[in-house]
N, C-alpha and C. Protein backbone atom coordinates (compact mmCIF):
# COMPACT_ATOMS: atom_id res chain seq x y z
N MET A 1 53.95 62.33 289.41
CA MET A 1 52.52 62.15 289.67
C MET A 1 51.96 63.36 290.40
N ILE A 2 50.74 63.73 290.04
CA ILE A 2 50.10 64.88 290.68
C ILE A 2 49.51 64.46 292.03
N LYS A 3 49.78 65.24 293.04
CA LYS A 3 49.20 65.01 294.36
C LYS A 3 47.82 65.63 294.40
N SER A 4 46.80 64.80 294.54
CA SER A 4 45.42 65.29 294.54
C SER A 4 45.09 65.96 295.87
N ILE A 5 44.48 67.14 295.80
CA ILE A 5 44.03 67.85 297.00
C ILE A 5 42.51 67.75 297.13
N VAL A 6 41.80 67.98 296.05
CA VAL A 6 40.34 67.80 296.00
C VAL A 6 40.03 66.99 294.76
N ASP A 7 39.18 65.97 294.91
CA ASP A 7 38.79 65.13 293.78
C ASP A 7 37.31 64.75 293.93
N LEU A 8 36.45 65.33 293.11
CA LEU A 8 35.02 65.11 293.19
C LEU A 8 34.52 64.09 292.17
N ARG A 9 35.42 63.37 291.52
CA ARG A 9 35.01 62.42 290.48
C ARG A 9 34.07 61.34 291.00
N GLY A 10 34.14 61.05 292.28
CA GLY A 10 33.28 60.01 292.84
C GLY A 10 31.80 60.35 292.80
N SER A 11 31.48 61.63 292.60
CA SER A 11 30.07 62.05 292.52
C SER A 11 29.50 61.89 291.11
N PHE A 12 30.38 61.59 290.14
CA PHE A 12 29.97 61.47 288.75
C PHE A 12 30.02 60.02 288.29
N GLY A 13 29.24 59.72 287.26
CA GLY A 13 29.32 58.44 286.61
C GLY A 13 30.35 58.48 285.50
N ALA A 14 30.30 57.49 284.61
CA ALA A 14 31.25 57.42 283.50
C ALA A 14 31.12 58.65 282.60
N ALA A 15 32.23 59.11 282.06
CA ALA A 15 32.23 60.26 281.16
C ALA A 15 31.45 59.93 279.90
N ARG A 16 30.59 60.85 279.49
CA ARG A 16 29.78 60.64 278.29
C ARG A 16 30.44 61.31 277.09
N ASP A 17 29.91 61.03 275.91
CA ASP A 17 30.53 61.49 274.67
C ASP A 17 29.53 62.29 273.85
N GLN A 18 29.87 63.54 273.56
CA GLN A 18 28.99 64.40 272.78
C GLN A 18 29.07 64.11 271.28
N HIS A 19 30.09 63.33 270.88
CA HIS A 19 30.36 63.05 269.47
C HIS A 19 30.60 64.36 268.73
N SER A 20 30.06 64.56 267.54
CA SER A 20 30.43 65.73 266.74
C SER A 20 29.47 66.90 266.88
N ARG A 21 28.47 66.80 267.77
CA ARG A 21 27.52 67.89 267.93
C ARG A 21 28.06 68.96 268.88
N PRO A 22 27.61 70.22 268.76
CA PRO A 22 28.12 71.32 269.60
C PRO A 22 27.41 71.40 270.94
N THR A 23 27.46 70.31 271.69
CA THR A 23 26.66 70.16 272.91
C THR A 23 27.50 70.08 274.18
N CYS A 24 28.75 70.53 274.12
CA CYS A 24 29.62 70.39 275.28
C CYS A 24 29.05 71.08 276.52
N LEU A 25 28.46 72.25 276.34
CA LEU A 25 27.90 72.97 277.48
C LEU A 25 26.72 72.23 278.08
N ALA A 26 25.90 71.62 277.24
CA ALA A 26 24.78 70.84 277.74
C ALA A 26 25.27 69.65 278.56
N PHE A 27 26.35 69.01 278.12
CA PHE A 27 26.91 67.89 278.87
C PHE A 27 27.51 68.35 280.19
N ALA A 28 28.28 69.43 280.14
CA ALA A 28 28.90 69.93 281.37
C ALA A 28 27.86 70.30 282.41
N ALA A 29 26.81 71.01 281.98
CA ALA A 29 25.76 71.42 282.92
C ALA A 29 24.94 70.24 283.40
N SER A 30 24.58 69.34 282.50
CA SER A 30 23.76 68.18 282.86
C SER A 30 24.47 67.27 283.84
N ASP A 31 25.75 67.03 283.59
CA ASP A 31 26.49 66.14 284.48
C ASP A 31 26.77 66.78 285.82
N THR A 32 26.99 68.10 285.83
CA THR A 32 27.13 68.80 287.11
C THR A 32 25.84 68.71 287.91
N HIS A 33 24.73 68.93 287.23
CA HIS A 33 23.41 68.83 287.87
C HIS A 33 23.20 67.44 288.46
N ALA A 34 23.50 66.41 287.67
CA ALA A 34 23.31 65.03 288.13
C ALA A 34 24.22 64.71 289.31
N ALA A 35 25.45 65.23 289.29
CA ALA A 35 26.41 64.95 290.36
C ALA A 35 26.00 65.56 291.68
N MET A 36 25.18 66.61 291.65
CA MET A 36 24.75 67.27 292.87
C MET A 36 23.55 66.60 293.51
N ARG A 37 22.98 65.63 292.79
CA ARG A 37 21.87 64.87 293.35
C ARG A 37 22.39 63.63 294.07
N SER A 38 21.55 62.99 294.84
CA SER A 38 21.94 61.78 295.55
C SER A 38 22.10 60.63 294.57
N GLY A 39 23.26 59.97 294.63
CA GLY A 39 23.51 58.89 293.69
C GLY A 39 23.83 59.45 292.31
N TRP A 40 23.95 58.59 291.33
CA TRP A 40 24.25 59.04 289.98
C TRP A 40 23.20 58.52 289.02
N THR A 41 22.34 59.39 288.56
CA THR A 41 21.38 59.09 287.50
C THR A 41 21.56 60.17 286.44
N PRO A 42 22.06 59.83 285.26
CA PRO A 42 22.26 60.84 284.22
C PRO A 42 20.97 61.58 283.89
N LEU A 43 21.08 62.87 283.66
CA LEU A 43 19.94 63.69 283.28
C LEU A 43 20.01 63.97 281.78
N SER A 44 18.87 64.28 281.19
CA SER A 44 18.76 64.39 279.74
C SER A 44 19.51 65.61 279.19
N THR A 45 20.61 65.32 278.53
CA THR A 45 21.37 66.37 277.86
C THR A 45 20.59 66.94 276.69
N GLU A 46 19.87 66.07 275.99
CA GLU A 46 19.11 66.52 274.82
C GLU A 46 18.04 67.53 275.24
N TRP A 47 17.38 67.26 276.35
CA TRP A 47 16.36 68.17 276.88
C TRP A 47 16.97 69.53 277.19
N ALA A 48 18.10 69.52 277.90
CA ALA A 48 18.75 70.78 278.28
C ALA A 48 19.20 71.54 277.04
N TYR A 49 19.77 70.83 276.09
CA TYR A 49 20.25 71.50 274.89
C TYR A 49 19.09 72.08 274.09
N TYR A 50 18.03 71.32 273.95
CA TYR A 50 16.86 71.79 273.19
C TYR A 50 16.32 73.10 273.77
N HIS A 51 16.09 73.12 275.07
CA HIS A 51 15.49 74.31 275.69
C HIS A 51 16.46 75.50 275.68
N ALA A 52 17.75 75.23 275.83
CA ALA A 52 18.72 76.33 275.78
C ALA A 52 18.80 76.93 274.38
N VAL A 53 18.80 76.07 273.38
CA VAL A 53 18.83 76.55 271.99
C VAL A 53 17.58 77.37 271.68
N LYS A 54 16.43 76.90 272.15
CA LYS A 54 15.20 77.65 271.93
C LYS A 54 15.27 79.02 272.60
N ARG A 55 15.85 79.08 273.79
CA ARG A 55 16.00 80.37 274.48
C ARG A 55 16.90 81.31 273.69
N ASP A 56 17.91 80.75 273.04
CA ASP A 56 18.83 81.57 272.26
C ASP A 56 18.28 81.92 270.89
N GLY A 57 17.18 81.29 270.50
CA GLY A 57 16.63 81.53 269.17
C GLY A 57 17.46 80.92 268.06
N GLY A 58 18.17 79.83 268.39
CA GLY A 58 19.06 79.22 267.41
C GLY A 58 18.51 77.94 266.79
N THR A 59 19.41 77.17 266.20
CA THR A 59 19.08 75.89 265.58
C THR A 59 19.91 74.79 266.25
N PRO A 60 19.59 73.52 266.01
CA PRO A 60 20.33 72.43 266.67
C PRO A 60 21.83 72.42 266.40
N GLY A 61 22.27 73.07 265.32
CA GLY A 61 23.69 73.08 265.00
C GLY A 61 24.45 74.28 265.50
N ASP A 62 23.78 75.16 266.24
CA ASP A 62 24.39 76.42 266.65
C ASP A 62 25.17 76.38 267.96
N GLY A 63 24.93 75.38 268.79
CA GLY A 63 25.46 75.43 270.14
C GLY A 63 24.56 76.29 271.02
N SER A 64 24.94 76.46 272.29
CA SER A 64 24.12 77.24 273.22
C SER A 64 25.01 78.13 274.05
N THR A 65 24.40 79.12 274.69
CA THR A 65 25.15 80.03 275.55
C THR A 65 25.06 79.57 277.01
N LEU A 66 26.04 80.00 277.80
CA LEU A 66 26.03 79.65 279.22
C LEU A 66 24.80 80.21 279.91
N ALA A 67 24.44 81.45 279.61
CA ALA A 67 23.28 82.07 280.25
C ALA A 67 22.01 81.29 279.98
N SER A 68 21.80 80.88 278.74
CA SER A 68 20.58 80.15 278.41
C SER A 68 20.57 78.77 279.04
N MET A 69 21.74 78.14 279.12
CA MET A 69 21.81 76.80 279.73
C MET A 69 21.50 76.87 281.22
N LEU A 70 22.05 77.85 281.90
CA LEU A 70 21.78 77.99 283.33
C LEU A 70 20.31 78.31 283.59
N GLU A 71 19.72 79.16 282.76
CA GLU A 71 18.32 79.50 282.94
C GLU A 71 17.42 78.31 282.62
N THR A 72 17.81 77.50 281.67
CA THR A 72 17.05 76.29 281.34
C THR A 72 16.97 75.35 282.54
N ILE A 73 18.10 75.11 283.18
CA ILE A 73 18.10 74.19 284.32
C ILE A 73 17.33 74.77 285.50
N LYS A 74 17.35 76.08 285.62
CA LYS A 74 16.58 76.72 286.69
C LYS A 74 15.08 76.72 286.40
N SER A 75 14.68 77.04 285.18
CA SER A 75 13.27 77.27 284.87
C SER A 75 12.56 76.10 284.19
N ASP A 76 13.27 75.40 283.30
CA ASP A 76 12.68 74.26 282.60
C ASP A 76 13.00 72.94 283.26
N GLY A 77 14.07 72.90 284.05
CA GLY A 77 14.46 71.67 284.70
C GLY A 77 14.99 70.64 283.72
N GLN A 78 15.23 69.44 284.24
CA GLN A 78 15.68 68.32 283.41
C GLN A 78 15.04 67.02 283.87
N PRO A 79 14.63 66.18 282.94
CA PRO A 79 14.20 64.83 283.30
C PRO A 79 15.41 63.89 283.29
N ARG A 80 15.20 62.66 283.66
CA ARG A 80 16.26 61.67 283.55
C ARG A 80 16.60 61.41 282.08
N GLU A 81 17.80 60.95 281.86
CA GLU A 81 18.29 60.70 280.49
C GLU A 81 17.35 59.76 279.73
N ALA A 82 16.76 58.81 280.43
CA ALA A 82 15.91 57.82 279.75
C ALA A 82 14.69 58.46 279.10
N HIS A 83 14.25 59.62 279.59
CA HIS A 83 13.06 60.24 279.01
C HIS A 83 13.33 60.73 277.59
N TRP A 84 14.50 61.34 277.37
CA TRP A 84 14.87 61.78 276.03
C TRP A 84 16.37 61.53 275.86
N PRO A 85 16.75 60.33 275.43
CA PRO A 85 18.17 59.99 275.27
C PRO A 85 18.87 60.90 274.27
N TYR A 86 20.15 61.06 274.48
CA TYR A 86 20.96 61.92 273.63
C TYR A 86 20.96 61.42 272.19
N ILE A 87 20.80 62.35 271.27
CA ILE A 87 20.84 62.04 269.83
C ILE A 87 22.28 62.19 269.37
N ARG A 88 22.89 61.10 269.00
CA ARG A 88 24.33 61.11 268.69
C ARG A 88 24.66 61.90 267.42
N ASN A 89 23.83 61.79 266.41
CA ASN A 89 24.11 62.43 265.13
C ASN A 89 23.48 63.81 265.04
N HIS A 90 23.97 64.62 264.12
CA HIS A 90 23.43 65.96 263.92
C HIS A 90 21.95 65.88 263.53
N VAL A 91 21.16 66.79 264.06
CA VAL A 91 19.73 66.84 263.77
C VAL A 91 19.54 67.47 262.38
N ILE A 92 18.95 66.71 261.47
CA ILE A 92 18.71 67.18 260.11
C ILE A 92 17.28 67.73 259.98
N ASP A 93 16.32 66.97 260.49
CA ASP A 93 14.92 67.38 260.42
C ASP A 93 14.58 68.21 261.65
N VAL A 94 14.79 69.52 261.54
CA VAL A 94 14.61 70.42 262.68
C VAL A 94 13.16 70.41 263.17
N ALA A 95 12.21 70.26 262.25
CA ALA A 95 10.80 70.29 262.64
C ALA A 95 10.44 69.15 263.58
N SER A 96 11.15 68.04 263.47
CA SER A 96 10.83 66.88 264.31
C SER A 96 11.61 66.88 265.62
N TRP A 97 12.49 67.84 265.79
CA TRP A 97 13.32 67.90 267.00
C TRP A 97 12.55 68.56 268.13
N LYS A 98 11.96 67.75 268.97
CA LYS A 98 11.19 68.27 270.10
C LYS A 98 11.07 67.19 271.16
N PRO A 99 10.84 67.58 272.40
CA PRO A 99 10.76 66.60 273.50
C PRO A 99 9.65 65.58 273.27
N PRO A 100 9.87 64.35 273.67
CA PRO A 100 8.86 63.30 273.49
C PRO A 100 7.80 63.31 274.59
N GLY A 101 7.00 64.35 274.67
CA GLY A 101 5.95 64.41 275.68
C GLY A 101 6.45 64.93 277.01
N SER A 102 5.55 64.94 277.98
CA SER A 102 5.88 65.45 279.32
C SER A 102 6.54 64.38 280.16
N PRO A 103 7.67 64.69 280.78
CA PRO A 103 8.34 63.70 281.63
C PRO A 103 7.59 63.49 282.94
N ALA A 104 7.84 62.36 283.55
CA ALA A 104 7.18 62.04 284.82
C ALA A 104 7.68 62.95 285.94
N GLU A 105 8.94 63.37 285.84
CA GLU A 105 9.53 64.17 286.91
C GLU A 105 10.61 65.07 286.32
N LEU A 106 10.69 66.29 286.83
CA LEU A 106 11.71 67.24 286.42
C LEU A 106 12.53 67.68 287.64
N PHE A 107 13.80 67.91 287.42
CA PHE A 107 14.70 68.35 288.49
C PHE A 107 15.28 69.72 288.13
N PHE A 108 15.36 70.59 289.12
CA PHE A 108 15.74 71.98 288.89
C PHE A 108 16.93 72.36 289.78
N ARG A 109 17.67 73.37 289.33
CA ARG A 109 18.76 73.93 290.13
C ARG A 109 18.88 75.42 289.87
N ASN A 110 19.11 76.17 290.93
CA ASN A 110 19.50 77.56 290.78
C ASN A 110 20.97 77.61 290.37
N HIS A 111 21.47 78.80 290.08
CA HIS A 111 22.85 78.91 289.64
C HIS A 111 23.47 80.21 290.15
N GLY A 112 24.77 80.24 290.07
CA GLY A 112 25.51 81.44 290.40
C GLY A 112 26.69 81.57 289.47
N THR A 113 27.06 82.78 289.14
CA THR A 113 28.24 83.01 288.31
C THR A 113 29.34 83.60 289.18
N GLN A 114 30.56 83.53 288.67
CA GLN A 114 31.70 84.03 289.41
C GLN A 114 32.77 84.48 288.43
N PRO A 115 33.74 85.26 288.89
CA PRO A 115 34.79 85.72 287.98
C PRO A 115 35.56 84.52 287.41
N PRO A 116 35.98 84.58 286.14
CA PRO A 116 36.78 83.50 285.56
C PRO A 116 38.21 83.55 286.10
N ASP A 117 38.38 83.00 287.29
CA ASP A 117 39.64 83.13 288.01
C ASP A 117 39.99 81.77 288.62
N ILE A 118 41.24 81.36 288.52
CA ILE A 118 41.66 80.05 289.02
C ILE A 118 41.38 79.91 290.52
N GLN A 119 41.71 80.94 291.30
CA GLN A 119 41.50 80.83 292.75
C GLN A 119 40.02 80.68 293.09
N GLU A 120 39.16 81.36 292.35
CA GLU A 120 37.72 81.20 292.56
C GLU A 120 37.30 79.75 292.31
N ILE A 121 37.85 79.13 291.28
CA ILE A 121 37.54 77.73 290.99
C ILE A 121 38.00 76.84 292.14
N LEU A 122 39.22 77.07 292.62
CA LEU A 122 39.75 76.24 293.72
C LEU A 122 38.92 76.41 294.98
N ASP A 123 38.49 77.63 295.26
CA ASP A 123 37.68 77.88 296.45
C ASP A 123 36.36 77.13 296.37
N ARG A 124 35.74 77.13 295.21
CA ARG A 124 34.48 76.40 295.04
C ARG A 124 34.70 74.90 295.19
N LEU A 125 35.79 74.41 294.63
CA LEU A 125 36.10 72.98 294.76
C LEU A 125 36.36 72.61 296.22
N ASP A 126 37.04 73.49 296.93
CA ASP A 126 37.27 73.24 298.36
C ASP A 126 35.95 73.11 299.12
N ALA A 127 34.93 73.84 298.65
CA ALA A 127 33.61 73.79 299.28
C ALA A 127 32.78 72.61 298.79
N GLY A 128 33.37 71.79 297.91
CA GLY A 128 32.67 70.60 297.44
C GLY A 128 31.79 70.81 296.25
N SER A 129 31.96 71.93 295.54
CA SER A 129 31.11 72.25 294.40
C SER A 129 31.87 72.14 293.09
N PRO A 130 31.43 71.29 292.16
CA PRO A 130 32.04 71.30 290.83
C PRO A 130 31.73 72.62 290.14
N VAL A 131 32.57 73.01 289.20
CA VAL A 131 32.45 74.32 288.56
C VAL A 131 32.34 74.14 287.05
N LEU A 132 31.32 74.77 286.46
CA LEU A 132 31.21 74.81 285.01
C LEU A 132 32.24 75.80 284.47
N VAL A 133 32.98 75.38 283.47
CA VAL A 133 34.05 76.21 282.91
C VAL A 133 33.90 76.28 281.40
N THR A 134 33.88 77.49 280.85
CA THR A 134 34.02 77.65 279.41
C THR A 134 35.40 78.22 279.15
N MET A 135 36.06 77.71 278.11
CA MET A 135 37.46 78.04 277.88
C MET A 135 37.79 77.97 276.39
N SER A 136 38.92 78.56 276.04
CA SER A 136 39.47 78.43 274.70
C SER A 136 40.35 77.18 274.67
N LEU A 137 40.43 76.56 273.51
CA LEU A 137 41.24 75.35 273.36
C LEU A 137 42.52 75.64 272.60
N SER A 138 43.43 74.68 272.65
CA SER A 138 44.62 74.68 271.80
C SER A 138 44.91 73.23 271.44
N ASN A 139 45.88 73.01 270.60
CA ASN A 139 46.14 71.65 270.12
C ASN A 139 46.46 70.68 271.25
N ALA A 140 47.14 71.15 272.28
CA ALA A 140 47.54 70.28 273.39
C ALA A 140 46.34 69.66 274.09
N PHE A 141 45.23 70.37 274.10
CA PHE A 141 44.05 69.89 274.81
C PHE A 141 43.54 68.58 274.20
N TYR A 142 43.73 68.39 272.92
CA TYR A 142 43.17 67.23 272.25
C TYR A 142 43.91 65.93 272.59
N VAL A 143 45.16 66.04 273.03
CA VAL A 143 45.94 64.84 273.32
C VAL A 143 46.66 65.00 274.66
N PRO A 144 45.97 64.73 275.78
CA PRO A 144 46.63 64.82 277.08
C PRO A 144 47.80 63.85 277.16
N GLY A 145 48.76 64.16 278.02
CA GLY A 145 49.89 63.27 278.22
C GLY A 145 49.46 61.95 278.83
N ALA A 146 50.39 61.00 278.90
CA ALA A 146 50.09 59.68 279.44
C ALA A 146 49.60 59.75 280.88
N ASP A 147 50.05 60.77 281.61
CA ASP A 147 49.60 60.95 283.00
C ASP A 147 48.37 61.86 283.10
N GLY A 148 47.79 62.18 281.94
CA GLY A 148 46.57 62.98 281.94
C GLY A 148 46.79 64.47 282.07
N THR A 149 48.03 64.94 281.91
CA THR A 149 48.30 66.36 282.09
C THR A 149 48.30 67.12 280.76
N ILE A 150 47.93 68.38 280.86
CA ILE A 150 47.97 69.30 279.73
C ILE A 150 48.60 70.59 280.24
N PHE A 151 49.78 70.93 279.70
CA PHE A 151 50.46 72.11 280.22
C PHE A 151 51.24 72.87 279.16
N ALA A 152 51.11 72.51 277.90
CA ALA A 152 51.89 73.17 276.84
C ALA A 152 51.57 74.66 276.75
N THR A 153 52.57 75.44 276.40
CA THR A 153 52.39 76.86 276.16
C THR A 153 52.14 77.05 274.67
N GLU A 154 50.94 77.44 274.33
CA GLU A 154 50.55 77.60 272.93
C GLU A 154 49.73 78.86 272.77
N PRO A 155 49.66 79.39 271.55
CA PRO A 155 48.83 80.58 271.32
C PRO A 155 47.37 80.29 271.66
N ILE A 156 46.66 81.30 272.13
CA ILE A 156 45.25 81.18 272.45
C ILE A 156 44.42 81.40 271.19
N ASP A 157 43.56 80.46 270.91
CA ASP A 157 42.66 80.57 269.75
C ASP A 157 41.25 80.81 270.27
N SER A 158 40.81 82.05 270.25
CA SER A 158 39.52 82.41 270.83
C SER A 158 38.34 81.83 270.05
N LYS A 159 38.59 81.34 268.84
CA LYS A 159 37.50 80.78 268.04
C LYS A 159 37.17 79.35 268.44
N ARG A 160 38.12 78.68 269.09
CA ARG A 160 37.88 77.30 269.53
C ARG A 160 37.45 77.34 270.99
N ARG A 161 36.16 77.23 271.23
CA ARG A 161 35.63 77.31 272.58
C ARG A 161 35.02 75.98 273.01
N HIS A 162 35.08 75.74 274.30
CA HIS A 162 34.64 74.44 274.81
C HIS A 162 34.17 74.61 276.25
N ALA A 163 33.34 73.68 276.71
CA ALA A 163 32.87 73.69 278.10
C ALA A 163 33.24 72.38 278.78
N VAL A 164 33.73 72.47 280.00
CA VAL A 164 34.10 71.31 280.79
C VAL A 164 33.62 71.54 282.22
N VAL A 165 33.87 70.57 283.08
CA VAL A 165 33.55 70.71 284.50
C VAL A 165 34.83 70.56 285.31
N ALA A 166 35.14 71.54 286.15
CA ALA A 166 36.25 71.41 287.08
C ALA A 166 35.79 70.54 288.25
N VAL A 167 36.48 69.42 288.46
CA VAL A 167 36.04 68.45 289.48
C VAL A 167 37.11 68.21 290.55
N GLY A 168 38.21 68.95 290.50
CA GLY A 168 39.23 68.76 291.51
C GLY A 168 40.47 69.58 291.20
N TYR A 169 41.44 69.49 292.09
CA TYR A 169 42.72 70.13 291.81
C TYR A 169 43.82 69.45 292.61
N GLY A 170 45.06 69.68 292.18
CA GLY A 170 46.19 69.06 292.85
C GLY A 170 47.47 69.84 292.58
N GLU A 171 48.61 69.27 292.99
CA GLU A 171 49.89 69.93 292.85
C GLU A 171 50.95 68.96 292.36
N LYS A 172 51.93 69.50 291.66
CA LYS A 172 53.10 68.74 291.25
C LYS A 172 54.27 69.69 291.14
N ALA A 173 55.31 69.41 291.89
CA ALA A 173 56.52 70.25 291.89
C ALA A 173 56.18 71.73 292.12
N GLY A 174 55.23 71.98 293.01
CA GLY A 174 54.85 73.34 293.37
C GLY A 174 53.89 74.00 292.41
N ALA A 175 53.53 73.32 291.34
CA ALA A 175 52.60 73.89 290.36
C ALA A 175 51.20 73.34 290.59
N ARG A 176 50.20 74.18 290.38
CA ARG A 176 48.80 73.78 290.55
C ARG A 176 48.23 73.22 289.24
N PHE A 177 47.39 72.21 289.38
CA PHE A 177 46.68 71.62 288.25
C PHE A 177 45.21 71.52 288.60
N VAL A 178 44.35 71.83 287.64
CA VAL A 178 42.91 71.71 287.82
C VAL A 178 42.44 70.45 287.09
N LEU A 179 41.72 69.60 287.79
CA LEU A 179 41.19 68.36 287.22
C LEU A 179 39.86 68.66 286.56
N ILE A 180 39.76 68.38 285.27
CA ILE A 180 38.51 68.66 284.56
C ILE A 180 37.90 67.37 283.99
N ARG A 181 36.58 67.38 283.90
CA ARG A 181 35.82 66.29 283.28
C ARG A 181 35.37 66.79 281.91
N ASN A 182 35.68 66.03 280.87
CA ASN A 182 35.34 66.40 279.51
C ASN A 182 34.13 65.62 279.03
N SER A 183 33.68 65.90 277.81
CA SER A 183 32.53 65.18 277.24
C SER A 183 32.90 64.54 275.91
N TRP A 184 34.12 63.95 275.88
CA TRP A 184 34.60 63.27 274.68
C TRP A 184 34.77 61.78 274.92
N GLY A 185 34.06 61.24 275.89
CA GLY A 185 34.10 59.81 276.16
C GLY A 185 35.27 59.40 277.05
N GLU A 186 35.27 58.13 277.44
CA GLU A 186 36.28 57.64 278.38
C GLU A 186 37.64 57.40 277.74
N ALA A 187 37.71 57.40 276.41
CA ALA A 187 39.00 57.17 275.75
C ALA A 187 39.90 58.40 275.82
N TRP A 188 39.33 59.56 276.11
CA TRP A 188 40.12 60.79 276.20
C TRP A 188 40.70 60.94 277.60
N GLY A 189 42.01 61.21 277.67
CA GLY A 189 42.64 61.47 278.96
C GLY A 189 42.56 60.30 279.92
N LEU A 190 42.27 60.60 281.16
CA LEU A 190 42.13 59.59 282.22
C LEU A 190 40.66 59.25 282.37
N GLN A 191 40.19 58.35 281.53
CA GLN A 191 38.78 57.94 281.52
C GLN A 191 37.84 59.16 281.43
N GLY A 192 38.23 60.09 280.56
CA GLY A 192 37.39 61.25 280.31
C GLY A 192 37.76 62.49 281.09
N CYS A 193 38.81 62.42 281.91
CA CYS A 193 39.26 63.56 282.70
C CYS A 193 40.72 63.89 282.38
N ALA A 194 41.16 65.06 282.79
CA ALA A 194 42.56 65.46 282.59
C ALA A 194 42.93 66.53 283.60
N TRP A 195 44.24 66.65 283.82
CA TRP A 195 44.78 67.68 284.71
C TRP A 195 45.29 68.84 283.86
N LEU A 196 44.66 70.00 283.97
CA LEU A 196 45.11 71.19 283.25
C LEU A 196 46.00 72.02 284.16
N ALA A 197 47.21 72.30 283.71
CA ALA A 197 48.08 73.19 284.48
C ALA A 197 47.38 74.54 284.67
N ALA A 198 47.46 75.08 285.86
CA ALA A 198 46.76 76.35 286.14
C ALA A 198 47.23 77.45 285.20
N ASN A 199 48.53 77.46 284.86
CA ASN A 199 49.02 78.52 283.97
C ASN A 199 48.67 78.25 282.51
N TYR A 200 48.16 77.08 282.20
CA TYR A 200 47.59 76.80 280.88
C TYR A 200 46.13 77.24 280.84
N LEU A 201 45.40 76.92 281.91
CA LEU A 201 43.97 77.21 281.96
C LEU A 201 43.68 78.70 282.16
N ALA A 202 44.43 79.34 283.05
CA ALA A 202 44.11 80.73 283.44
C ALA A 202 43.91 81.68 282.27
N PRO A 203 44.83 81.75 281.31
CA PRO A 203 44.62 82.71 280.21
C PRO A 203 43.55 82.27 279.22
N ARG A 204 43.08 81.03 279.34
CA ARG A 204 42.07 80.52 278.41
C ARG A 204 40.66 80.53 279.01
N LEU A 205 40.54 80.91 280.27
CA LEU A 205 39.22 80.96 280.90
C LEU A 205 38.35 82.03 280.24
N ILE A 206 37.12 81.66 279.97
CA ILE A 206 36.15 82.61 279.42
C ILE A 206 35.10 82.96 280.47
N ALA A 207 34.50 81.93 281.06
CA ALA A 207 33.47 82.15 282.09
C ALA A 207 33.39 80.92 282.98
N THR A 208 32.91 81.12 284.20
CA THR A 208 32.68 80.00 285.12
C THR A 208 31.33 80.21 285.81
N ALA A 209 30.76 79.12 286.26
CA ALA A 209 29.48 79.19 286.96
C ALA A 209 29.31 77.95 287.82
N ILE A 210 28.41 78.03 288.78
CA ILE A 210 28.11 76.89 289.63
C ILE A 210 26.59 76.68 289.66
N LEU A 211 26.19 75.47 289.95
CA LEU A 211 24.80 75.18 290.24
C LEU A 211 24.66 75.13 291.74
N THR A 212 23.58 75.69 292.25
CA THR A 212 23.44 75.81 293.70
C THR A 212 22.24 75.00 294.18
N THR A 213 21.44 75.57 295.04
CA THR A 213 20.35 74.84 295.66
C THR A 213 19.20 74.57 294.70
N GLU A 214 18.41 73.59 295.02
CA GLU A 214 17.19 73.36 294.28
C GLU A 214 16.20 74.48 294.59
N PRO A 215 15.44 74.95 293.60
CA PRO A 215 14.48 76.04 293.84
C PRO A 215 13.45 75.66 294.89
């Protein structure tokens, strides 16, 4: 069993499911944003994804970049999930894909970036801040072990990219593990979370970022 050192899962609600859309970054950022507020009220992932895609000049099926997602939360903010609930299926009618009017209230966050380094992630977690993580995937990631661990040594596939939230870390037999929150629903891993071995995650890190104070 992994000995937990930092565990921020209590600041989050149930893990949500992006289904087959390329919205992992929108979920990671939205849930991090919501976790930094008092209590747990999910924020609109669809709103964040829409504005980030527009900033990138893309389409609903393209995914979004970390830079555009961070700028969206800083400049466009997010309403509560109830204002524009997540669209589970792929958007076919692009012309109709737009926010349903002006929300009653918007919430904003500044952001900061940091080197994609395991120790930087642990330091942020020690300070009580969840960390947005973009990483490459491998087959092991799709099926965590019964104890929620992922530590297989596999080739790095740079074409398979994903975004998660680092929400804690721990140790087992002298090895470090980073606890991540995914956006594949509660059936994945430990109710939507898993322990990634540091030596599995480190070579797969692409970028990391944090959300900071409200503007």
